[in-house]
Amino acid sequence: MTDRIGRQNFNALAKYIFETAGIRMPPSKQTMLEGRLRRRQRAVGAETLDDYCDYLFDEDNIEVESEYLINAVTTNKTDFFREPYHFDYLRDVALPELLAQGVTNLRAWSVACSNGAEPYTIAMVIDDWLRGRLAANYKVLATDLDTSMLEIARTGIYPAEFVDPVPAELRRRYLMASTDPDRDVVRVTPTLRRNVAFARLNLMDGQYPVGEPMQLVFCRNVLIYFDRETQLRVVGQLVEQLAPGGLLFLGHSETIAGHDLPIVQVANTIFRRS
């Protein structure tokens, strides 16, 4: 018989995951959750998934295990130059407008950076566009809830086929092939990596300590995992981090229709703070 999580334990897990990470875990996702927790079950020596839940709740190990539990349930689908329309807009419209406004210290934020593909893509586009324009510099902040993804992102090392979406000229400029012929991997150049900083941040927190206002905020394909109330609260807090004239990029399937925020839509899923 397949090991399953009992209803009471599933409900307790779903409640904890939602309250901690804002991720909805309806009954339809029970099989997915069970599959993702089996590694943690083995790691703590639990015989069954319900034993793992007993370890979490009855033995009061939830705070110790929380990071691993949340890492297990987060979704980490990402690619270089995913939804390329946004990066065309960044290059052709946003960057020229921002520099025309006198921005000289450009700050961008990749809100759910996963393995780093998005923030490195942002950095490539900005760095390439700024070449020869010495009047400006930039930094990219990349945050995520999943610490295991952040570890990968910090290395900047990826399978060679994973970077296929990167245009050839940018691959030559910003990616280095391994010197080991047995490793078919590439690494982001040190120059680009120095302009990208990684940190753990939970969008469910009451404040986002990200420093000075941002000109660019990418929060793409994250809101779809939240309920409506959480979506609007998170977007409201993101908008607070935008400088006047700054841009918020959402995922292609995400909407914030009916919001009461100081932003106007300037393109498909792109909003400017007023």
C-alpha atoms as a PDB file:
ATOM      1  CA  MET A   1       0.000   0.000   0.000  1.00  0.00           C
ATOM      2  CA  THR A   2       1.323   3.439  -0.950  1.00  0.00           C
ATOM      3  CA  ASP A   3       2.357   5.570   2.002  1.00  0.00           C
ATOM      4  CA  ARG A   4      -0.010   8.556   2.270  1.00  0.00           C
ATOM      5  CA  ILE A   5      -0.349  11.535   4.575  1.00  0.00           C
ATOM      6  CA  GLY A   6      -3.427  11.348   6.774  1.00  0.00           C
ATOM      7  CA  ARG A   7      -6.089  14.011   6.369  1.00  0.00           C
ATOM      8  CA  GLN A   8      -5.410  15.723   9.695  1.00  0.00           C
ATOM      9  CA  ASN A   9      -1.677  15.899   9.018  1.00  0.00           C
ATOM     10  CA  PHE A  10      -2.235  17.124   5.465  1.00  0.00           C
ATOM     11  CA  ASN A  11      -4.476  19.906   6.734  1.00  0.00           C
ATOM     12  CA  ALA A  12      -1.880  20.876   9.353  1.00  0.00           C
ATOM     13  CA  LEU A  13       0.869  20.928   6.711  1.00  0.00           C
ATOM     14  CA  ALA A  14      -1.267  22.938   4.289  1.00  0.00           C
ATOM     15  CA  LYS A  15      -2.066  25.480   7.018  1.00  0.00           C
ATOM     16  CA  TYR A  16       1.601  25.846   8.005  1.00  0.00           C
ATOM     17  CA  ILE A  17       2.794  26.170   4.392  1.00  0.00           C
ATOM     18  CA  PHE A  18       0.177  28.818   3.606  1.00  0.00           C
ATOM     19  CA  GLU A  19       0.868  30.842   6.749  1.00  0.00           C
ATOM     20  CA  THR A  20       4.637  30.639   6.267  1.00  0.00           C
ATOM     21  CA  ALA A  21       5.052  30.987   2.504  1.00  0.00           C
ATOM     22  CA  GLY A  22       1.638  32.013   1.188  1.00  0.00           C
ATOM     23  CA  ILE A  23       1.529  28.894  -1.001  1.00  0.00           C
ATOM     24  CA  ARG A  24      -1.895  27.308  -1.339  1.00  0.00           C
ATOM     25  CA  MET A  25      -1.949  23.533  -0.864  1.00  0.00           C
ATOM     26  CA  PRO A  26      -5.442  22.266  -1.763  1.00  0.00           C
ATOM     27  CA  PRO A  27      -6.298  18.533  -1.552  1.00  0.00           C
ATOM     28  CA  SER A  28      -5.610  18.211  -5.280  1.00  0.00           C
ATOM     29  CA  LYS A  29      -1.918  18.780  -4.529  1.00  0.00           C
ATOM     30  CA  GLN A  30      -1.619  16.083  -1.872  1.00  0.00           C
ATOM     31  CA  THR A  31       0.159  13.583  -4.137  1.00  0.00           C
ATOM     32  CA  MET A  32       2.634  16.259  -5.233  1.00  0.00           C
ATOM     33  CA  LEU A  33       3.298  17.231  -1.619  1.00  0.00           C
ATOM     34  CA  GLU A  34       3.820  13.613  -0.596  1.00  0.00           C
ATOM     35  CA  GLY A  35       6.341  13.097  -3.373  1.00  0.00           C
ATOM     36  CA  ARG A  36       8.303  16.184  -2.435  1.00  0.00           C
ATOM     37  CA  LEU A  37       8.436  15.314   1.261  1.00  0.00           C
ATOM     38  CA  ARG A  38       9.780  11.763   0.897  1.00  0.00           C
ATOM     39  CA  ARG A  39      13.391  12.953   0.871  1.00  0.00           C
ATOM     40  CA  ARG A  40      12.834  14.848   4.109  1.00  0.00           C
ATOM     41  CA  GLN A  41      11.050  11.816   5.546  1.00  0.00           C
ATOM     42  CA  ARG A  42      14.141   9.723   4.866  1.00  0.00           C
ATOM     43  CA  ALA A  43      16.484  12.465   6.061  1.00  0.00           C
ATOM     44  CA  VAL A  44      14.953  12.552   9.557  1.00  0.00           C
ATOM     45  CA  GLY A  45      14.592   8.770   9.730  1.00  0.00           C
ATOM     46  CA  ALA A  46      10.792   8.681   9.725  1.00  0.00           C
ATOM     47  CA  GLU A  47       9.278   5.349   8.680  1.00  0.00           C
ATOM     48  CA  THR A  48       6.147   6.883   7.141  1.00  0.00           C
ATOM     49  CA  LEU A  49       4.989  10.305   6.016  1.00  0.00           C
ATOM     50  CA  ASP A  50       2.678  10.493   9.008  1.00  0.00           C
ATOM     51  CA  ASP A  51       5.689   9.718  11.211  1.00  0.00           C
ATOM     52  CA  TYR A  52       7.420  12.662   9.542  1.00  0.00           C
ATOM     53  CA  CYS A  53       4.434  14.844  10.413  1.00  0.00           C
ATOM     54  CA  ASP A  54       4.612  13.606  14.008  1.00  0.00           C
ATOM     55  CA  TYR A  55       8.269  14.618  13.995  1.00  0.00           C
ATOM     56  CA  LEU A  56       7.254  18.080  12.797  1.00  0.00           C
ATOM     57  CA  PHE A  57       4.286  18.777  15.017  1.00  0.00           C
ATOM     58  CA  ASP A  58       4.245  16.408  18.000  1.00  0.00           C
ATOM     59  CA  GLU A  59       7.953  16.677  18.704  1.00  0.00           C
ATOM     60  CA  ASP A  60       7.966  20.424  18.023  1.00  0.00           C
ATOM     61  CA  ASN A  61      10.673  20.293  15.343  1.00  0.00           C
ATOM     62  CA  ILE A  62       8.793  22.533  12.914  1.00  0.00           C
ATOM     63  CA  GLU A  63      11.112  25.514  13.328  1.00  0.00           C
ATOM     64  CA  VAL A  64      14.206  23.354  12.805  1.00  0.00           C
ATOM     65  CA  GLU A  65      12.681  21.696   9.744  1.00  0.00           C
ATOM     66  CA  SER A  66      10.893  24.752   8.346  1.00  0.00           C
ATOM     67  CA  GLU A  67      13.582  25.781   5.855  1.00  0.00           C
ATOM     68  CA  TYR A  68      13.807  22.264   4.387  1.00  0.00           C
ATOM     69  CA  LEU A  69      10.023  21.889   4.294  1.00  0.00           C
ATOM     70  CA  ILE A  70       9.510  25.173   2.445  1.00  0.00           C
ATOM     71  CA  ASN A  71      12.378  24.403   0.060  1.00  0.00           C
ATOM     72  CA  ALA A  72      10.627  21.128  -0.767  1.00  0.00           C
ATOM     73  CA  VAL A  73       7.305  22.710  -1.675  1.00  0.00           C
ATOM     74  CA  THR A  74       8.453  25.770  -3.633  1.00  0.00           C
ATOM     75  CA  THR A  75       8.234  25.598  -7.417  1.00  0.00           C
ATOM     76  CA  ASN A  76      11.430  26.515  -9.246  1.00  0.00           C
ATOM     77  CA  LYS A  77      10.529  26.683 -12.918  1.00  0.00           C
ATOM     78  CA  THR A  78      12.748  29.260 -14.591  1.00  0.00           C
ATOM     79  CA  ASP A  79      14.838  29.840 -17.693  1.00  0.00           C
ATOM     80  CA  PHE A  80      17.200  32.413 -19.126  1.00  0.00           C
ATOM     81  CA  PHE A  81      15.266  35.020 -21.127  1.00  0.00           C
ATOM     82  CA  ARG A  82      11.936  33.536 -20.062  1.00  0.00           C
ATOM     83  CA  GLU A  83       9.088  35.661 -21.465  1.00  0.00           C
ATOM     84  CA  PRO A  84      11.539  37.506 -23.740  1.00  0.00           C
ATOM     85  CA  TYR A  85       9.110  40.352 -24.430  1.00  0.00           C
ATOM     86  CA  HIS A  86       9.973  41.782 -21.015  1.00  0.00           C
ATOM     87  CA  PHE A  87      13.664  41.892 -21.807  1.00  0.00           C
ATOM     88  CA  ASP A  88      13.027  43.498 -25.198  1.00  0.00           C
ATOM     89  CA  TYR A  89      11.038  46.176 -23.365  1.00  0.00           C
ATOM     90  CA  LEU A  90      13.797  46.560 -20.790  1.00  0.00           C
ATOM     91  CA  ARG A  91      16.405  47.097 -23.506  1.00  0.00           C
ATOM     92  CA  ASP A  92      14.396  49.167 -25.975  1.00  0.00           C
ATOM     93  CA  VAL A  93      12.151  51.271 -23.731  1.00  0.00           C
ATOM     94  CA  ALA A  94      12.856  51.099 -20.005  1.00  0.00           C
ATOM     95  CA  LEU A  95      16.607  51.650 -19.960  1.00  0.00           C
ATOM     96  CA  PRO A  96      16.607  54.581 -22.421  1.00  0.00           C
ATOM     97  CA  GLU A  97      13.782  56.242 -20.467  1.00  0.00           C
ATOM     98  CA  LEU A  98      15.443  55.752 -17.086  1.00  0.00           C
ATOM     99  CA  LEU A  99      18.733  57.229 -18.224  1.00  0.00           C
ATOM    100  CA  ALA A 100      16.874  60.097 -19.890  1.00  0.00           C
ATOM    101  CA  GLN A 101      15.324  60.780 -16.480  1.00  0.00           C
ATOM    102  CA  GLY A 102      18.815  61.138 -15.028  1.00  0.00           C
ATOM    103  CA  VAL A 103      19.108  57.781 -13.255  1.00  0.00           C
ATOM    104  CA  THR A 104      22.804  57.015 -12.773  1.00  0.00           C
ATOM    105  CA  ASN A 105      22.657  54.281 -10.134  1.00  0.00           C
ATOM    106  CA  LEU A 106      20.263  51.710 -11.512  1.00  0.00           C
ATOM    107  CA  ARG A 107      18.797  49.203  -9.049  1.00  0.00           C
ATOM    108  CA  ALA A 108      16.858  46.125 -10.164  1.00  0.00           C
ATOM    109  CA  TRP A 109      15.234  43.419  -8.068  1.00  0.00           C
ATOM    110  CA  SER A 110      14.466  39.847  -9.112  1.00  0.00           C
ATOM    111  CA  VAL A 111      11.885  38.959  -6.480  1.00  0.00           C
ATOM    112  CA  ALA A 112      11.734  35.163  -6.833  1.00  0.00           C
ATOM    113  CA  CYS A 113      15.035  34.426  -8.496  1.00  0.00           C
ATOM    114  CA  SER A 114      15.041  30.624  -8.154  1.00  0.00           C
ATOM    115  CA  ASN A 115      18.344  29.303  -9.597  1.00  0.00           C
ATOM    116  CA  GLY A 116      19.482  32.735 -10.770  1.00  0.00           C
ATOM    117  CA  ALA A 117      18.520  32.601 -14.447  1.00  0.00           C
ATOM    118  CA  GLU A 118      16.274  35.670 -14.199  1.00  0.00           C
ATOM    119  CA  PRO A 119      18.628  38.040 -12.339  1.00  0.00           C
ATOM    120  CA  TYR A 120      21.561  37.064 -14.536  1.00  0.00           C
ATOM    121  CA  THR A 121      19.388  37.700 -17.595  1.00  0.00           C
ATOM    122  CA  ILE A 122      18.477  41.128 -16.225  1.00  0.00           C
ATOM    123  CA  ALA A 123      22.163  41.841 -15.562  1.00  0.00           C
ATOM    124  CA  MET A 124      23.164  40.752 -19.073  1.00  0.00           C
ATOM    125  CA  VAL A 125      20.625  43.052 -20.699  1.00  0.00           C
ATOM    126  CA  ILE A 126      21.529  46.031 -18.521  1.00  0.00           C
ATOM    127  CA  ASP A 127      25.285  45.492 -18.745  1.00  0.00           C
ATOM    128  CA  ASP A 128      25.161  45.075 -22.508  1.00  0.00           C
ATOM    129  CA  TRP A 129      23.019  48.186 -22.970  1.00  0.00           C
ATOM    130  CA  LEU A 130      25.243  50.277 -20.703  1.00  0.00           C
ATOM    131  CA  ARG A 131      28.422  49.377 -22.572  1.00  0.00           C
ATOM    132  CA  GLY A 132      29.978  52.664 -23.649  1.00  0.00           C
ATOM    133  CA  ARG A 133      27.549  54.644 -21.490  1.00  0.00           C
ATOM    134  CA  LEU A 134      29.847  55.425 -18.589  1.00  0.00           C
ATOM    135  CA  ALA A 135      27.393  57.772 -16.902  1.00  0.00           C
ATOM    136  CA  ALA A 136      25.541  54.942 -15.146  1.00  0.00           C
ATOM    137  CA  ASN A 137      26.127  51.781 -13.139  1.00  0.00           C
ATOM    138  CA  TYR A 138      23.793  49.088 -11.866  1.00  0.00           C
ATOM    139  CA  LYS A 139      23.176  46.449  -9.230  1.00  0.00           C
ATOM    140  CA  VAL A 140      20.715  43.558  -9.250  1.00  0.00           C
ATOM    141  CA  LEU A 141      19.269  42.206  -6.014  1.00  0.00           C
ATOM    142  CA  ALA A 142      18.012  38.624  -6.306  1.00  0.00           C
ATOM    143  CA  THR A 143      15.913  37.093  -3.541  1.00  0.00           C
ATOM    144  CA  ASP A 144      14.137  33.803  -3.030  1.00  0.00           C
ATOM    145  CA  LEU A 145      12.600  31.756  -0.247  1.00  0.00           C
ATOM    146  CA  ASP A 146      14.368  28.538  -1.256  1.00  0.00           C
ATOM    147  CA  THR A 147      17.893  28.451   0.190  1.00  0.00           C
ATOM    148  CA  SER A 148      18.913  25.471  -1.954  1.00  0.00           C
ATOM    149  CA  MET A 149      18.135  27.487  -5.106  1.00  0.00           C
ATOM    150  CA  LEU A 150      20.068  30.468  -3.768  1.00  0.00           C
ATOM    151  CA  GLU A 151      23.148  28.268  -3.336  1.00  0.00           C
ATOM    152  CA  ILE A 152      22.960  27.260  -6.995  1.00  0.00           C
ATOM    153  CA  ALA A 153      22.351  30.840  -8.085  1.00  0.00           C
ATOM    154  CA  ARG A 154      25.379  32.172  -6.239  1.00  0.00           C
ATOM    155  CA  THR A 155      27.700  29.798  -8.094  1.00  0.00           C
ATOM    156  CA  GLY A 156      26.412  30.934 -11.484  1.00  0.00           C
ATOM    157  CA  ILE A 157      27.125  27.478 -12.923  1.00  0.00           C
ATOM    158  CA  TYR A 158      24.637  25.869 -15.318  1.00  0.00           C
ATOM    159  CA  PRO A 159      24.440  22.946 -17.772  1.00  0.00           C
ATOM    160  CA  ALA A 160      25.446  24.183 -21.202  1.00  0.00           C
ATOM    161  CA  GLU A 161      22.072  23.373 -22.755  1.00  0.00           C
ATOM    162  CA  PHE A 162      20.288  25.398 -20.063  1.00  0.00           C
ATOM    163  CA  VAL A 163      21.706  28.642 -21.472  1.00  0.00           C
ATOM    164  CA  ASP A 164      20.568  27.969 -25.054  1.00  0.00           C
ATOM    165  CA  PRO A 165      18.002  30.827 -24.872  1.00  0.00           C
ATOM    166  CA  VAL A 166      20.812  33.349 -24.303  1.00  0.00           C
ATOM    167  CA  PRO A 167      21.643  35.171 -27.565  1.00  0.00           C
ATOM    168  CA  ALA A 168      24.981  34.090 -29.012  1.00  0.00           C
ATOM    169  CA  GLU A 169      26.679  37.471 -28.533  1.00  0.00           C
ATOM    170  CA  LEU A 170      25.675  37.608 -24.881  1.00  0.00           C
ATOM    171  CA  ARG A 171      26.800  34.004 -24.350  1.00  0.00           C
ATOM    172  CA  ARG A 172      30.243  34.907 -25.653  1.00  0.00           C
ATOM    173  CA  ARG A 173      30.439  37.979 -23.451  1.00  0.00           C
ATOM    174  CA  TYR A 174      28.949  36.748 -20.187  1.00  0.00           C
ATOM    175  CA  LEU A 175      29.321  32.960 -20.010  1.00  0.00           C
ATOM    176  CA  MET A 176      32.507  30.921 -19.684  1.00  0.00           C
ATOM    177  CA  ALA A 177      32.825  27.294 -20.753  1.00  0.00           C
ATOM    178  CA  SER A 178      34.355  24.847 -18.301  1.00  0.00           C
ATOM    179  CA  THR A 179      38.029  24.043 -18.778  1.00  0.00           C
ATOM    180  CA  ASP A 180      37.211  20.460 -17.801  1.00  0.00           C
ATOM    181  CA  PRO A 181      36.255  18.597 -21.017  1.00  0.00           C
ATOM    182  CA  ASP A 182      34.184  16.142 -18.982  1.00  0.00           C
ATOM    183  CA  ARG A 183      31.934  18.900 -17.630  1.00  0.00           C
ATOM    184  CA  ASP A 184      29.490  20.354 -20.130  1.00  0.00           C
ATOM    185  CA  VAL A 185      28.726  23.417 -18.045  1.00  0.00           C
ATOM    186  CA  VAL A 186      29.141  27.160 -18.266  1.00  0.00           C
ATOM    187  CA  ARG A 187      29.627  29.814 -15.609  1.00  0.00           C
ATOM    188  CA  VAL A 188      28.528  33.420 -15.466  1.00  0.00           C
ATOM    189  CA  THR A 189      31.554  35.724 -15.717  1.00  0.00           C
ATOM    190  CA  PRO A 190      32.938  37.228 -12.487  1.00  0.00           C
ATOM    191  CA  THR A 191      32.205  40.758 -13.735  1.00  0.00           C
ATOM    192  CA  LEU A 192      28.510  40.000 -14.084  1.00  0.00           C
ATOM    193  CA  ARG A 193      28.342  38.007 -10.838  1.00  0.00           C
ATOM    194  CA  ARG A 194      29.776  40.953  -8.914  1.00  0.00           C
ATOM    195  CA  ASN A 195      26.764  43.021  -9.924  1.00  0.00           C
ATOM    196  CA  VAL A 196      24.213  40.489  -8.641  1.00  0.00           C
ATOM    197  CA  ALA A 197      23.635  39.981  -4.916  1.00  0.00           C
ATOM    198  CA  PHE A 198      21.565  37.077  -3.542  1.00  0.00           C
ATOM    199  CA  ALA A 199      19.593  36.954  -0.305  1.00  0.00           C
ATOM    200  CA  ARG A 200      16.731  35.013   1.268  1.00  0.00           C
ATOM    201  CA  LEU A 201      13.455  36.911   1.507  1.00  0.00           C
ATOM    202  CA  ASN A 202       9.952  35.742   2.347  1.00  0.00           C
ATOM    203  CA  LEU A 203       7.197  37.654   0.554  1.00  0.00           C
ATOM    204  CA  MET A 204       4.910  36.884   3.485  1.00  0.00           C
ATOM    205  CA  ASP A 205       7.003  39.117   5.754  1.00  0.00           C
ATOM    206  CA  GLY A 206       5.562  42.453   6.809  1.00  0.00           C
ATOM    207  CA  GLN A 207       8.527  44.412   5.461  1.00  0.00           C
ATOM    208  CA  TYR A 208      10.976  43.939   2.617  1.00  0.00           C
ATOM    209  CA  PRO A 209      14.415  45.207   3.748  1.00  0.00           C
ATOM    210  CA  VAL A 210      15.891  45.792   0.287  1.00  0.00           C
ATOM    211  CA  GLY A 211      17.528  49.160   0.792  1.00  0.00           C
ATOM    212  CA  GLU A 212      17.207  52.124  -1.558  1.00  0.00           C
ATOM    213  CA  PRO A 213      14.238  52.343  -3.960  1.00  0.00           C
ATOM    214  CA  MET A 214      14.326  50.201  -7.080  1.00  0.00           C
ATOM    215  CA  GLN A 215      13.936  51.335 -10.671  1.00  0.00           C
ATOM    216  CA  LEU A 216      13.042  47.815 -11.826  1.00  0.00           C
ATOM    217  CA  VAL A 217      11.173  45.053  -9.985  1.00  0.00           C
ATOM    218  CA  PHE A 218      10.596  41.666 -11.617  1.00  0.00           C
ATOM    219  CA  CYS A 219       8.001  39.562  -9.792  1.00  0.00           C
ATOM    220  CA  ARG A 220       7.016  37.048 -12.433  1.00  0.00           C
ATOM    221  CA  ASN A 221       5.042  33.833 -12.074  1.00  0.00           C
ATOM    222  CA  VAL A 222       4.943  34.118  -8.286  1.00  0.00           C
ATOM    223  CA  LEU A 223       1.533  35.641  -7.629  1.00  0.00           C
ATOM    224  CA  ILE A 224      -0.203  32.656  -9.242  1.00  0.00           C
ATOM    225  CA  TYR A 225       0.601  30.610  -6.117  1.00  0.00           C
ATOM    226  CA  PHE A 226      -1.114  33.117  -3.791  1.00  0.00           C
ATOM    227  CA  ASP A 227      -4.757  33.828  -3.093  1.00  0.00           C
ATOM    228  CA  ARG A 228      -6.231  37.163  -4.180  1.00  0.00           C
ATOM    229  CA  GLU A 229      -5.763  38.895  -0.832  1.00  0.00           C
ATOM    230  CA  THR A 230      -2.121  37.845  -0.599  1.00  0.00           C
ATOM    231  CA  GLN A 231      -1.475  38.860  -4.219  1.00  0.00           C
ATOM    232  CA  LEU A 232      -2.647  42.417  -3.640  1.00  0.00           C
ATOM    233  CA  ARG A 233      -0.793  42.744  -0.348  1.00  0.00           C
ATOM    234  CA  VAL A 234       2.472  41.512  -1.881  1.00  0.00           C
ATOM    235  CA  VAL A 235       2.146  43.766  -4.925  1.00  0.00           C
ATOM    236  CA  GLY A 236       1.400  46.697  -2.644  1.00  0.00           C
ATOM    237  CA  GLN A 237       4.607  46.080  -0.724  1.00  0.00           C
ATOM    238  CA  LEU A 238       6.583  45.687  -3.942  1.00  0.00           C
ATOM    239  CA  VAL A 239       5.260  48.975  -5.279  1.00  0.00           C
ATOM    240  CA  GLU A 240       6.435  50.641  -2.058  1.00  0.00           C
ATOM    241  CA  GLN A 241       9.982  49.627  -3.017  1.00  0.00           C
ATOM    242  CA  LEU A 242       9.746  51.276  -6.449  1.00  0.00           C
ATOM    243  CA  ALA A 243      11.155  54.714  -7.089  1.00  0.00           C
ATOM    244  CA  PRO A 244       8.806  57.139  -8.868  1.00  0.00           C
ATOM    245  CA  GLY A 245       8.884  56.173 -12.532  1.00  0.00           C
ATOM    246  CA  GLY A 246      10.115  52.687 -11.667  1.00  0.00           C
ATOM    247  CA  LEU A 247       8.693  49.638 -13.399  1.00  0.00           C
ATOM    248  CA  LEU A 248       7.045  46.474 -12.080  1.00  0.00           C
ATOM    249  CA  PHE A 249       7.096  43.372 -14.307  1.00  0.00           C
ATOM    250  CA  LEU A 250       4.593  40.574 -13.622  1.00  0.00           C
ATOM    251  CA  GLY A 251       4.247  37.150 -15.233  1.00  0.00           C
ATOM    252  CA  HIS A 252       2.330  36.817 -18.504  1.00  0.00           C
ATOM    253  CA  SER A 253      -0.596  35.005 -16.824  1.00  0.00           C
ATOM    254  CA  GLU A 254      -0.824  37.276 -13.790  1.00  0.00           C
ATOM    255  CA  THR A 255      -3.222  40.137 -13.244  1.00  0.00           C
ATOM    256  CA  ILE A 256      -3.808  42.717 -10.528  1.00  0.00           C
ATOM    257  CA  ALA A 257      -7.017  44.095 -11.976  1.00  0.00           C
ATOM    258  CA  GLY A 258      -9.004  46.102  -9.472  1.00  0.00           C
ATOM    259  CA  HIS A 259      -5.959  47.211  -7.491  1.00  0.00           C
ATOM    260  CA  ASP A 260      -5.813  50.566  -5.735  1.00  0.00           C
ATOM    261  CA  LEU A 261      -2.123  51.279  -6.140  1.00  0.00           C
ATOM    262  CA  PRO A 262      -0.069  54.231  -7.456  1.00  0.00           C
ATOM    263  CA  ILE A 263       0.832  52.435 -10.687  1.00  0.00           C
ATOM    264  CA  VAL A 264      -0.341  52.600 -14.288  1.00  0.00           C
ATOM    265  CA  GLN A 265      -0.055  49.890 -16.920  1.00  0.00           C
ATOM    266  CA  VAL A 266       2.366  50.862 -19.702  1.00  0.00           C
ATOM    267  CA  ALA A 267       2.560  47.535 -21.558  1.00  0.00           C
ATOM    268  CA  ASN A 268       1.377  43.957 -21.199  1.00  0.00           C
ATOM    269  CA  THR A 269       2.029  42.985 -17.531  1.00  0.00           C
ATOM    270  CA  ILE A 270       4.335  46.014 -17.080  1.00  0.00           C
ATOM    271  CA  PHE A 271       3.395  48.812 -14.689  1.00  0.00           C
ATOM    272  CA  ARG A 272       4.994  52.179 -13.858  1.00  0.00           C
ATOM    273  CA  ARG A 273       4.865  53.799 -10.450  1.00  0.00           C
ATOM    274  CA  SER A 274       3.402  57.253 -10.622  1.00  0.00           C
END
